Amino acid sequence: MAKKKFQVWTKNKGIDIHFIDIGKPTQNAYIESFNGMLRDECLNLNLFKNQNELSRALEIYQKDYKNERLHSSLNYLSR
């Protein structure tokens, strides 16, 4: 049911979704790497009491990731 709602939402927004093949994480290595870092550095380190706490932690992580962290794919520059 949630997948169907997501597909309807993306279609209404004009977003074209492409899924990687099951069992082939190397087809999207950058996002797989990011997901692992997000889980290890943020989600696994906190116990969130509610959606607001989660949203705030993700906002802080996103700002750090985009603006402070050095990225090897950007020749060790931040965004």
PDB file of N, CA and C in Angstrom:
ATOM      1  N   MET A   1       0.826  -1.196   0.000  1.00  0.00           N
ATOM      2  CA  MET A   1       0.000   0.000   0.000  1.00  0.00           C
ATOM      3  C   MET A   1       0.868   1.258   0.000  1.00  0.00           C
ATOM      4  N   ALA A   2       1.893   1.302   0.870  1.00  0.00           N
ATOM      5  CA  ALA A   2       2.768   2.473   0.932  1.00  0.00           C
ATOM      6  C   ALA A   2       3.527   2.650  -0.381  1.00  0.00           C
ATOM      7  N   LYS A   3       3.927   1.525  -0.993  1.00  0.00           N
ATOM      8  CA  LYS A   3       4.654   1.600  -2.265  1.00  0.00           C
ATOM      9  C   LYS A   3       3.763   2.224  -3.335  1.00  0.00           C
ATOM     10  N   LYS A   4       2.508   1.847  -3.371  1.00  0.00           N
ATOM     11  CA  LYS A   4       1.566   2.391  -4.349  1.00  0.00           C
ATOM     12  C   LYS A   4       1.389   3.896  -4.135  1.00  0.00           C
ATOM     13  N   LYS A   5       1.245   4.329  -2.885  1.00  0.00           N
ATOM     14  CA  LYS A   5       1.102   5.756  -2.583  1.00  0.00           C
ATOM     15  C   LYS A   5       2.340   6.530  -3.015  1.00  0.00           C
ATOM     16  N   PHE A   6       3.510   5.937  -2.772  1.00  0.00           N
ATOM     17  CA  PHE A   6       4.761   6.570  -3.176  1.00  0.00           C
ATOM     18  C   PHE A   6       4.808   6.714  -4.698  1.00  0.00           C
ATOM     19  N   GLN A   7       4.420   5.674  -5.396  1.00  0.00           N
ATOM     20  CA  GLN A   7       4.434   5.717  -6.860  1.00  0.00           C
ATOM     21  C   GLN A   7       3.463   6.766  -7.397  1.00  0.00           C
ATOM     22  N   VAL A   8       2.293   6.885  -6.801  1.00  0.00           N
ATOM     23  CA  VAL A   8       1.324   7.904  -7.201  1.00  0.00           C
ATOM     24  C   VAL A   8       1.882   9.298  -6.923  1.00  0.00           C
ATOM     25  N   TRP A   9       2.479   9.484  -5.738  1.00  0.00           N
ATOM     26  CA  TRP A   9       3.052  10.776  -5.365  1.00  0.00           C
ATOM     27  C   TRP A   9       4.145  11.183  -6.345  1.00  0.00           C
ATOM     28  N   THR A  10       5.068  10.266  -6.666  1.00  0.00           N
ATOM     29  CA  THR A  10       6.161  10.606  -7.584  1.00  0.00           C
ATOM     30  C   THR A  10       5.624  10.920  -8.976  1.00  0.00           C
ATOM     31  N   LYS A  11       4.632  10.169  -9.415  1.00  0.00           N
ATOM     32  CA  LYS A  11       4.049  10.429 -10.734  1.00  0.00           C
ATOM     33  C   LYS A  11       3.416  11.813 -10.765  1.00  0.00           C
ATOM     34  N   ASN A  12       2.667  12.176  -9.707  1.00  0.00           N
ATOM     35  CA  ASN A  12       2.022  13.491  -9.635  1.00  0.00           C
ATOM     36  C   ASN A  12       3.038  14.621  -9.605  1.00  0.00           C
ATOM     37  N   LYS A  13       4.220  14.373  -9.063  1.00  0.00           N
ATOM     38  CA  LYS A  13       5.276  15.384  -8.986  1.00  0.00           C
ATOM     39  C   LYS A  13       6.171  15.392 -10.223  1.00  0.00           C
ATOM     40  N   GLY A  14       5.923  14.465 -11.145  1.00  0.00           N
ATOM     41  CA  GLY A  14       6.749  14.384 -12.351  1.00  0.00           C
ATOM     42  C   GLY A  14       8.124  13.799 -12.093  1.00  0.00           C
ATOM     43  N   ILE A  15       8.230  12.970 -11.047  1.00  0.00           N
ATOM     44  CA  ILE A  15       9.504  12.360 -10.682  1.00  0.00           C
ATOM     45  C   ILE A  15       9.578  10.970 -11.287  1.00  0.00           C
ATOM     46  N   ASP A  16      10.637  10.696 -12.002  1.00  0.00           N
ATOM     47  CA  ASP A  16      10.854   9.392 -12.628  1.00  0.00           C
ATOM     48  C   ASP A  16      11.743   8.554 -11.714  1.00  0.00           C
ATOM     49  N   ILE A  17      11.223   7.471 -11.183  1.00  0.00           N
ATOM     50  CA  ILE A  17      11.942   6.624 -10.236  1.00  0.00           C
ATOM     51  C   ILE A  17      12.533   5.419 -10.963  1.00  0.00           C
ATOM     52  N   HIS A  18      13.801   5.149 -10.676  1.00  0.00           N
ATOM     53  CA  HIS A  18      14.476   3.971 -11.212  1.00  0.00           C
ATOM     54  C   HIS A  18      15.021   3.172 -10.039  1.00  0.00           C
ATOM     55  N   PHE A  19      14.701   1.901  -9.984  1.00  0.00           N
ATOM     56  CA  PHE A  19      15.159   1.048  -8.902  1.00  0.00           C
ATOM     57  C   PHE A  19      16.342   0.213  -9.368  1.00  0.00           C
ATOM     58  N   ILE A  20      17.278  -0.030  -8.437  1.00  0.00           N
ATOM     59  CA  ILE A  20      18.387  -0.918  -8.756  1.00  0.00           C
ATOM     60  C   ILE A  20      17.890  -2.361  -8.671  1.00  0.00           C
ATOM     61  N   ASP A  21      18.603  -3.256  -9.299  1.00  0.00           N
ATOM     62  CA  ASP A  21      18.254  -4.673  -9.237  1.00  0.00           C
ATOM     63  C   ASP A  21      18.475  -5.195  -7.824  1.00  0.00           C
ATOM     64  N   ILE A  22      17.615  -6.092  -7.393  1.00  0.00           N
ATOM     65  CA  ILE A  22      17.740  -6.692  -6.071  1.00  0.00           C
ATOM     66  C   ILE A  22      19.084  -7.411  -5.961  1.00  0.00           C
ATOM     67  N   GLY A  23      19.774  -7.157  -4.854  1.00  0.00           N
ATOM     68  CA  GLY A  23      21.070  -7.792  -4.618  1.00  0.00           C
ATOM     69  C   GLY A  23      22.222  -7.169  -5.378  1.00  0.00           C
ATOM     70  N   LYS A  24      22.021  -5.974  -5.932  1.00  0.00           N
ATOM     71  CA  LYS A  24      23.067  -5.300  -6.711  1.00  0.00           C
ATOM     72  C   LYS A  24      23.347  -3.894  -6.167  1.00  0.00           C
ATOM     73  N   PRO A  25      23.791  -3.780  -4.901  1.00  0.00           N
ATOM     74  CA  PRO A  25      24.004  -2.448  -4.326  1.00  0.00           C
ATOM     75  C   PRO A  25      25.072  -1.640  -5.040  1.00  0.00           C
ATOM     76  N   THR A  26      25.956  -2.299  -5.779  1.00  0.00           N
ATOM     77  CA  THR A  26      27.003  -1.552  -6.481  1.00  0.00           C
ATOM     78  C   THR A  26      26.443  -0.723  -7.632  1.00  0.00           C
ATOM     79  N   GLN A  27      25.187  -0.975  -8.015  1.00  0.00           N
ATOM     80  CA  GLN A  27      24.568  -0.151  -9.058  1.00  0.00           C
ATOM     81  C   GLN A  27      24.292   1.265  -8.555  1.00  0.00           C
ATOM     82  N   ASN A  28      24.298   1.450  -7.247  1.00  0.00           N
ATOM     83  CA  ASN A  28      24.072   2.759  -6.665  1.00  0.00           C
ATOM     84  C   ASN A  28      24.994   2.926  -5.453  1.00  0.00           C
ATOM     85  N   ALA A  29      26.272   2.818  -5.699  1.00  0.00           N
ATOM     86  CA  ALA A  29      27.257   2.763  -4.626  1.00  0.00           C
ATOM     87  C   ALA A  29      27.284   4.029  -3.771  1.00  0.00           C
ATOM     88  N   TYR A  30      27.098   5.197  -4.373  1.00  0.00           N
ATOM     89  CA  TYR A  30      27.160   6.433  -3.590  1.00  0.00           C
ATOM     90  C   TYR A  30      26.058   6.486  -2.533  1.00  0.00           C
ATOM     91  N   ILE A  31      24.832   6.170  -2.909  1.00  0.00           N
ATOM     92  CA  ILE A  31      23.748   6.237  -1.934  1.00  0.00           C
ATOM     93  C   ILE A  31      23.858   5.096  -0.926  1.00  0.00           C
ATOM     94  N   GLU A  32      24.341   3.946  -1.347  1.00  0.00           N
ATOM     95  CA  GLU A  32      24.550   2.850  -0.393  1.00  0.00           C
ATOM     96  C   GLU A  32      25.588   3.247   0.651  1.00  0.00           C
ATOM     97  N   SER A  33      26.640   3.925   0.216  1.00  0.00           N
ATOM     98  CA  SER A  33      27.666   4.403   1.143  1.00  0.00           C
ATOM     99  C   SER A  33      27.080   5.442   2.097  1.00  0.00           C
ATOM    100  N   PHE A  34      26.315   6.383   1.540  1.00  0.00           N
ATOM    101  CA  PHE A  34      25.689   7.404   2.381  1.00  0.00           C
ATOM    102  C   PHE A  34      24.732   6.778   3.395  1.00  0.00           C
ATOM    103  N   ASN A  35      23.905   5.842   2.959  1.00  0.00           N
ATOM    104  CA  ASN A  35      22.961   5.195   3.871  1.00  0.00           C
ATOM    105  C   ASN A  35      23.688   4.511   5.023  1.00  0.00           C
ATOM    106  N   GLY A  36      24.805   3.868   4.737  1.00  0.00           N
ATOM    107  CA  GLY A  36      25.587   3.212   5.786  1.00  0.00           C
ATOM    108  C   GLY A  36      26.148   4.215   6.773  1.00  0.00           C
ATOM    109  N   MET A  37      26.672   5.332   6.260  1.00  0.00           N
ATOM    110  CA  MET A  37      27.208   6.372   7.155  1.00  0.00           C
ATOM    111  C   MET A  37      26.099   6.999   7.993  1.00  0.00           C
ATOM    112  N   LEU A  38      24.968   7.277   7.375  1.00  0.00           N
ATOM    113  CA  LEU A  38      23.847   7.866   8.105  1.00  0.00           C
ATOM    114  C   LEU A  38      23.414   6.952   9.248  1.00  0.00           C
ATOM    115  N   ARG A  39      23.317   5.674   8.968  1.00  0.00           N
ATOM    116  CA  ARG A  39      22.905   4.723  10.010  1.00  0.00           C
ATOM    117  C   ARG A  39      23.964   4.645  11.110  1.00  0.00           C
ATOM    118  N   ASP A  40      25.229   4.500  10.731  1.00  0.00           N
ATOM    119  CA  ASP A  40      26.304   4.349  11.724  1.00  0.00           C
ATOM    120  C   ASP A  40      26.558   5.612  12.535  1.00  0.00           C
ATOM    121  N   GLU A  41      26.475   6.774  11.909  1.00  0.00           N
ATOM    122  CA  GLU A  41      26.874   8.024  12.547  1.00  0.00           C
ATOM    123  C   GLU A  41      25.721   8.809  13.167  1.00  0.00           C
ATOM    124  N   CYS A  42      24.493   8.416  12.870  1.00  0.00           N
ATOM    125  CA  CYS A  42      23.355   9.177  13.399  1.00  0.00           C
ATOM    126  C   CYS A  42      22.271   8.262  13.967  1.00  0.00           C
ATOM    127  N   LEU A  43      21.705   7.432  13.127  1.00  0.00           N
ATOM    128  CA  LEU A  43      20.523   6.673  13.548  1.00  0.00           C
ATOM    129  C   LEU A  43      20.822   5.643  14.629  1.00  0.00           C
ATOM    130  N   ASN A  44      21.935   4.929  14.522  1.00  0.00           N
ATOM    131  CA  ASN A  44      22.266   3.900  15.510  1.00  0.00           C
ATOM    132  C   ASN A  44      22.766   4.476  16.833  1.00  0.00           C
ATOM    133  N   LEU A  45      23.122   5.744  16.849  1.00  0.00           N
ATOM    134  CA  LEU A  45      23.676   6.359  18.055  1.00  0.00           C
ATOM    135  C   LEU A  45      22.610   7.016  18.930  1.00  0.00           C
ATOM    136  N   ASN A  46      21.390   7.074  18.451  1.00  0.00           N
ATOM    137  CA  ASN A  46      20.340   7.796  19.160  1.00  0.00           C
ATOM    138  C   ASN A  46      19.088   6.940  19.311  1.00  0.00           C
ATOM    139  N   LEU A  47      18.363   7.197  20.378  1.00  0.00           N
ATOM    140  CA  LEU A  47      17.044   6.615  20.581  1.00  0.00           C
ATOM    141  C   LEU A  47      16.070   7.783  20.543  1.00  0.00           C
ATOM    142  N   PHE A  48      15.278   7.853  19.509  1.00  0.00           N
ATOM    143  CA  PHE A  48      14.393   8.983  19.297  1.00  0.00           C
ATOM    144  C   PHE A  48      13.055   8.736  19.976  1.00  0.00           C
ATOM    145  N   LYS A  49      12.585   9.739  20.702  1.00  0.00           N
ATOM    146  CA  LYS A  49      11.311   9.628  21.408  1.00  0.00           C
ATOM    147  C   LYS A  49      10.125   9.898  20.492  1.00  0.00           C
ATOM    148  N   ASN A  50      10.365  10.685  19.437  1.00  0.00           N
ATOM    149  CA  ASN A  50       9.268  11.031  18.539  1.00  0.00           C
ATOM    150  C   ASN A  50       9.826  11.484  17.188  1.00  0.00           C
ATOM    151  N   GLN A  51       8.918  11.770  16.280  1.00  0.00           N
ATOM    152  CA  GLN A  51       9.289  12.188  14.929  1.00  0.00           C
ATOM    153  C   GLN A  51      10.055  13.503  14.936  1.00  0.00           C
ATOM    154  N   ASN A  52       9.711  14.406  15.839  1.00  0.00           N
ATOM    155  CA  ASN A  52      10.408  15.690  15.902  1.00  0.00           C
ATOM    156  C   ASN A  52      11.880  15.520  16.254  1.00  0.00           C
ATOM    157  N   GLU A  53      12.188  14.637  17.204  1.00  0.00           N
ATOM    158  CA  GLU A  53      13.589  14.384  17.560  1.00  0.00           C
ATOM    159  C   GLU A  53      14.346  13.789  16.382  1.00  0.00           C
ATOM    160  N   LEU A  54      13.722  12.862  15.699  1.00  0.00           N
ATOM    161  CA  LEU A  54      14.349  12.252  14.523  1.00  0.00           C
ATOM    162  C   LEU A  54      14.595  13.305  13.445  1.00  0.00           C
ATOM    163  N   SER A  55      13.592  14.108  13.160  1.00  0.00           N
ATOM    164  CA  SER A  55      13.724  15.139  12.129  1.00  0.00           C
ATOM    165  C   SER A  55      14.843  16.121  12.466  1.00  0.00           C
ATOM    166  N   ARG A  56      14.946  16.511  13.716  1.00  0.00           N
ATOM    167  CA  ARG A  56      15.993  17.447  14.137  1.00  0.00           C
ATOM    168  C   ARG A  56      17.388  16.831  13.987  1.00  0.00           C
ATOM    169  N   ALA A  57      17.530  15.576  14.407  1.00  0.00           N
ATOM    170  CA  ALA A  57      18.819  14.889  14.278  1.00  0.00           C
ATOM    171  C   ALA A  57      19.211  14.755  12.809  1.00  0.00           C
ATOM    172  N   LEU A  58      18.258  14.444  11.953  1.00  0.00           N
ATOM    173  CA  LEU A  58      18.550  14.317  10.520  1.00  0.00           C
ATOM    174  C   LEU A  58      18.911  15.667   9.906  1.00  0.00           C
ATOM    175  N   GLU A  59      18.260  16.723  10.360  1.00  0.00           N
ATOM    176  CA  GLU A  59      18.581  18.059   9.883  1.00  0.00           C
ATOM    177  C   GLU A  59      20.017  18.438  10.242  1.00  0.00           C
ATOM    178  N   ILE A  60      20.410  18.167  11.467  1.00  0.00           N
ATOM    179  CA  ILE A  60      21.776  18.457  11.919  1.00  0.00           C
ATOM    180  C   ILE A  60      22.785  17.626  11.126  1.00  0.00           C
ATOM    181  N   TYR A  61      22.489  16.344  10.953  1.00  0.00           N
ATOM    182  CA  TYR A  61      23.396  15.470  10.204  1.00  0.00           C
ATOM    183  C   TYR A  61      23.525  15.956   8.760  1.00  0.00           C
ATOM    184  N   GLN A  62      22.409  16.320   8.158  1.00  0.00           N
ATOM    185  CA  GLN A  62      22.426  16.776   6.769  1.00  0.00           C
ATOM    186  C   GLN A  62      23.275  18.038   6.612  1.00  0.00           C
ATOM    187  N   LYS A  63      23.124  18.988   7.516  1.00  0.00           N
ATOM    188  CA  LYS A  63      23.916  20.221   7.436  1.00  0.00           C
ATOM    189  C   LYS A  63      25.407  19.921   7.566  1.00  0.00           C
ATOM    190  N   ASP A  64      25.759  19.044   8.499  1.00  0.00           N
ATOM    191  CA  ASP A  64      27.157  18.666   8.663  1.00  0.00           C
ATOM    192  C   ASP A  64      27.672  17.956   7.414  1.00  0.00           C
ATOM    193  N   TYR A  65      26.898  17.014   6.910  1.00  0.00           N
ATOM    194  CA  TYR A  65      27.314  16.224   5.752  1.00  0.00           C
ATOM    195  C   TYR A  65      27.520  17.107   4.527  1.00  0.00           C
ATOM    196  N   LYS A  66      26.616  18.045   4.305  1.00  0.00           N
ATOM    197  CA  LYS A  66      26.691  18.892   3.111  1.00  0.00           C
ATOM    198  C   LYS A  66      27.720  20.007   3.226  1.00  0.00           C
ATOM    199  N   ASN A  67      27.837  20.603   4.415  1.00  0.00           N
ATOM    200  CA  ASN A  67      28.592  21.839   4.531  1.00  0.00           C
ATOM    201  C   ASN A  67      29.936  21.728   5.237  1.00  0.00           C
ATOM    202  N   GLU A  68      30.125  20.709   6.040  1.00  0.00           N
ATOM    203  CA  GLU A  68      31.344  20.611   6.836  1.00  0.00           C
ATOM    204  C   GLU A  68      32.249  19.444   6.440  1.00  0.00           C
ATOM    205  N   ARG A  69      31.641  18.329   6.128  1.00  0.00           N
ATOM    206  CA  ARG A  69      32.393  17.107   5.869  1.00  0.00           C
ATOM    207  C   ARG A  69      33.160  17.204   4.555  1.00  0.00           C
ATOM    208  N   LEU A  70      34.373  16.707   4.562  1.00  0.00           N
ATOM    209  CA  LEU A  70      35.178  16.637   3.346  1.00  0.00           C
ATOM    210  C   LEU A  70      34.836  15.352   2.610  1.00  0.00           C
ATOM    211  N   HIS A  71      34.645  15.455   1.307  1.00  0.00           N
ATOM    212  CA  HIS A  71      34.219  14.315   0.504  1.00  0.00           C
ATOM    213  C   HIS A  71      35.307  13.924  -0.489  1.00  0.00           C
ATOM    214  N   SER A  72      35.684  12.663  -0.473  1.00  0.00           N
ATOM    215  CA  SER A  72      36.713  12.203  -1.409  1.00  0.00           C
ATOM    216  C   SER A  72      36.260  12.367  -2.851  1.00  0.00           C
ATOM    217  N   SER A  73      34.963  12.220  -3.110  1.00  0.00           N
ATOM    218  CA  SER A  73      34.456  12.370  -4.478  1.00  0.00           C
ATOM    219  C   SER A  73      34.531  13.820  -4.957  1.00  0.00           C
ATOM    220  N   LEU A  74      34.757  14.758  -4.032  1.00  0.00           N
ATOM    221  CA  LEU A  74      34.918  16.171  -4.372  1.00  0.00           C
ATOM    222  C   LEU A  74      36.346  16.651  -4.136  1.00  0.00           C
ATOM    223  N   ASN A  75      37.294  15.709  -4.239  1.00  0.00           N
ATOM    224  CA  ASN A  75      38.705  16.005  -4.014  1.00  0.00           C
ATOM    225  C   ASN A  75      38.940  16.582  -2.615  1.00  0.00           C
ATOM    226  N   TYR A  76      38.246  15.988  -1.649  1.00  0.00           N
ATOM    227  CA  TYR A  76      38.344  16.334  -0.228  1.00  0.00           C
ATOM    228  C   TYR A  76      37.979  17.779   0.081  1.00  0.00           C
ATOM    229  N   LEU A  77      36.927  18.234  -0.603  1.00  0.00           N
ATOM    230  CA  LEU A  77      36.318  19.525  -0.313  1.00  0.00           C
ATOM    231  C   LEU A  77      34.930  19.268   0.259  1.00  0.00           C
ATOM    232  N   SER A  78      34.379  20.254   0.973  1.00  0.00           N
ATOM    233  CA  SER A  78      32.976  20.158   1.325  1.00  0.00           C
ATOM    234  C   SER A  78      32.165  20.584   0.102  1.00  0.00           C
ATOM    235  N   ARG A  79      30.914  20.525   0.176  1.00  0.00           N
ATOM    236  CA  ARG A  79      30.057  20.847  -0.948  1.00  0.00           C
ATOM    237  C   ARG A  79      30.299  22.183  -1.473  1.00  0.00           C
TER     238      ARG A  79
END
